[in-house]
């Protein structure tokens, strides 16, 4: 199901409610960039949502924009399998 709202009112990008498995596609607004290293770090609201979903029994695969952008279809499939 696309854009699935949980019973608690949390929106998930893709979800299989019966098994509580989900995929979240995290765009640039979900991250902060370290000034010194240039690495991306999930921002506070994104980290909180991830912790909350784990406590509610969900298994969530996060796909970050910087992992996805510029990849071929086969590379994207491999990325999803690895998650």
C-alpha atoms as a PDB file:
ATOM      1  CA  UNK A   1       0.000   0.000   0.000  1.00  0.00           C
ATOM      2  CA  UNK A   2       1.356   3.417  -0.937  1.00  0.00           C
ATOM      3  CA  UNK A   3       1.212   6.160   1.731  1.00  0.00           C
ATOM      4  CA  UNK A   4      -0.145   3.909   4.428  1.00  0.00           C
ATOM      5  CA  UNK A   5      -1.309   5.570   7.665  1.00  0.00           C
ATOM      6  CA  UNK A   6      -0.706   3.358  10.710  1.00  0.00           C
ATOM      7  CA  UNK A   7      -3.307   3.023  13.467  1.00  0.00           C
ATOM      8  CA  UNK A   8      -1.226   5.546  15.421  1.00  0.00           C
ATOM      9  CA  UNK A   9      -1.432   8.087  12.569  1.00  0.00           C
ATOM     10  CA  UNK A  10       2.110   7.691  11.233  1.00  0.00           C
ATOM     11  CA  UNK A  11       2.420   7.841   7.461  1.00  0.00           C
ATOM     12  CA  UNK A  12       4.589   5.237   5.686  1.00  0.00           C
ATOM     13  CA  UNK A  13       5.629   5.501   2.031  1.00  0.00           C
ATOM     14  CA  UNK A  14       5.138   1.786   1.260  1.00  0.00           C
ATOM     15  CA  UNK A  15       3.753  -0.753   3.696  1.00  0.00           C
ATOM     16  CA  UNK A  16       2.682  -4.344   4.140  1.00  0.00           C
ATOM     17  CA  UNK A  17       0.449  -3.857   7.198  1.00  0.00           C
ATOM     18  CA  UNK A  18      -0.112  -7.536   7.986  1.00  0.00           C
ATOM     19  CA  UNK A  19       3.621  -8.195   8.439  1.00  0.00           C
ATOM     20  CA  UNK A  20       4.471  -4.664   9.620  1.00  0.00           C
ATOM     21  CA  UNK A  21       7.155  -4.267   6.950  1.00  0.00           C
ATOM     22  CA  UNK A  22       7.637  -0.898   5.289  1.00  0.00           C
ATOM     23  CA  UNK A  23       9.880   1.121   3.005  1.00  0.00           C
ATOM     24  CA  UNK A  24      10.543   4.784   3.620  1.00  0.00           C
ATOM     25  CA  UNK A  25      12.016   6.831   0.781  1.00  0.00           C
ATOM     26  CA  UNK A  26      13.959   9.608   2.467  1.00  0.00           C
ATOM     27  CA  UNK A  27      14.630  12.705   0.378  1.00  0.00           C
ATOM     28  CA  UNK A  28      17.069  15.536   1.146  1.00  0.00           C
ATOM     29  CA  UNK A  29      14.741  17.130   3.716  1.00  0.00           C
ATOM     30  CA  UNK A  30      15.298  14.086   5.981  1.00  0.00           C
ATOM     31  CA  UNK A  31      19.027  14.775   6.341  1.00  0.00           C
ATOM     32  CA  UNK A  32      21.607  17.203   7.630  1.00  0.00           C
ATOM     33  CA  UNK A  33      25.031  17.349   6.051  1.00  0.00           C
ATOM     34  CA  UNK A  34      28.171  17.275   8.188  1.00  0.00           C
ATOM     35  CA  UNK A  35      30.230  20.362   7.408  1.00  0.00           C
ATOM     36  CA  UNK A  36      33.635  18.766   7.919  1.00  0.00           C
ATOM     37  CA  UNK A  37      33.056  15.421   6.194  1.00  0.00           C
ATOM     38  CA  UNK A  38      30.128  16.075   3.873  1.00  0.00           C
ATOM     39  CA  UNK A  39      28.406  12.937   5.204  1.00  0.00           C
ATOM     40  CA  UNK A  40      24.625  12.883   5.488  1.00  0.00           C
ATOM     41  CA  UNK A  41      23.028  12.263   8.889  1.00  0.00           C
ATOM     42  CA  UNK A  42      19.315  11.683   9.463  1.00  0.00           C
ATOM     43  CA  UNK A  43      17.747  14.715  11.129  1.00  0.00           C
ATOM     44  CA  UNK A  44      15.926  14.612  14.468  1.00  0.00           C
ATOM     45  CA  UNK A  45      12.367  14.078  13.199  1.00  0.00           C
ATOM     46  CA  UNK A  46      13.511  11.267  10.882  1.00  0.00           C
ATOM     47  CA  UNK A  47      15.409   9.539  13.695  1.00  0.00           C
ATOM     48  CA  UNK A  48      12.430   9.913  16.038  1.00  0.00           C
ATOM     49  CA  UNK A  49      10.009   8.405  13.499  1.00  0.00           C
ATOM     50  CA  UNK A  50      12.365   5.456  12.943  1.00  0.00           C
ATOM     51  CA  UNK A  51      12.644   4.794  16.701  1.00  0.00           C
ATOM     52  CA  UNK A  52       8.886   5.104  17.181  1.00  0.00           C
ATOM     53  CA  UNK A  53       8.118   2.687  14.354  1.00  0.00           C
ATOM     54  CA  UNK A  54      10.593   0.132  15.760  1.00  0.00           C
ATOM     55  CA  UNK A  55       8.888   0.373  19.172  1.00  0.00           C
ATOM     56  CA  UNK A  56       5.543  -0.197  17.471  1.00  0.00           C
ATOM     57  CA  UNK A  57       6.862  -3.408  15.926  1.00  0.00           C
ATOM     58  CA  UNK A  58       7.527  -2.204  12.382  1.00  0.00           C
ATOM     59  CA  UNK A  59      10.542  -3.271  10.325  1.00  0.00           C
ATOM     60  CA  UNK A  60      11.412  -0.349   8.076  1.00  0.00           C
ATOM     61  CA  UNK A  61      13.904  -0.207   5.211  1.00  0.00           C
ATOM     62  CA  UNK A  62      15.107   3.338   4.622  1.00  0.00           C
ATOM     63  CA  UNK A  63      16.190   4.305   1.125  1.00  0.00           C
ATOM     64  CA  UNK A  64      18.149   7.553   1.143  1.00  0.00           C
ATOM     65  CA  UNK A  65      18.129   9.867  -1.859  1.00  0.00           C
ATOM     66  CA  UNK A  66      21.926   9.832  -2.051  1.00  0.00           C
ATOM     67  CA  UNK A  67      21.927   6.014  -2.291  1.00  0.00           C
ATOM     68  CA  UNK A  68      19.271   6.006  -5.031  1.00  0.00           C
ATOM     69  CA  UNK A  69      19.981   8.975  -7.297  1.00  0.00           C
ATOM     70  CA  UNK A  70      22.100   8.240 -10.333  1.00  0.00           C
ATOM     71  CA  UNK A  71      21.805   4.455  -9.994  1.00  0.00           C
ATOM     72  CA  UNK A  72      20.759   2.105 -12.787  1.00  0.00           C
ATOM     73  CA  UNK A  73      17.651  -0.054 -12.466  1.00  0.00           C
ATOM     74  CA  UNK A  74      19.738  -3.116 -11.628  1.00  0.00           C
ATOM     75  CA  UNK A  75      21.733  -1.196  -8.999  1.00  0.00           C
ATOM     76  CA  UNK A  76      18.473   0.009  -7.451  1.00  0.00           C
ATOM     77  CA  UNK A  77      17.119  -3.549  -7.283  1.00  0.00           C
ATOM     78  CA  UNK A  78      20.314  -4.679  -5.537  1.00  0.00           C
ATOM     79  CA  UNK A  79      20.052  -1.779  -3.102  1.00  0.00           C
ATOM     80  CA  UNK A  80      16.488  -2.755  -2.193  1.00  0.00           C
ATOM     81  CA  UNK A  81      17.473  -6.410  -1.764  1.00  0.00           C
ATOM     82  CA  UNK A  82      20.266  -5.360   0.597  1.00  0.00           C
ATOM     83  CA  UNK A  83      17.837  -3.377   2.775  1.00  0.00           C
END
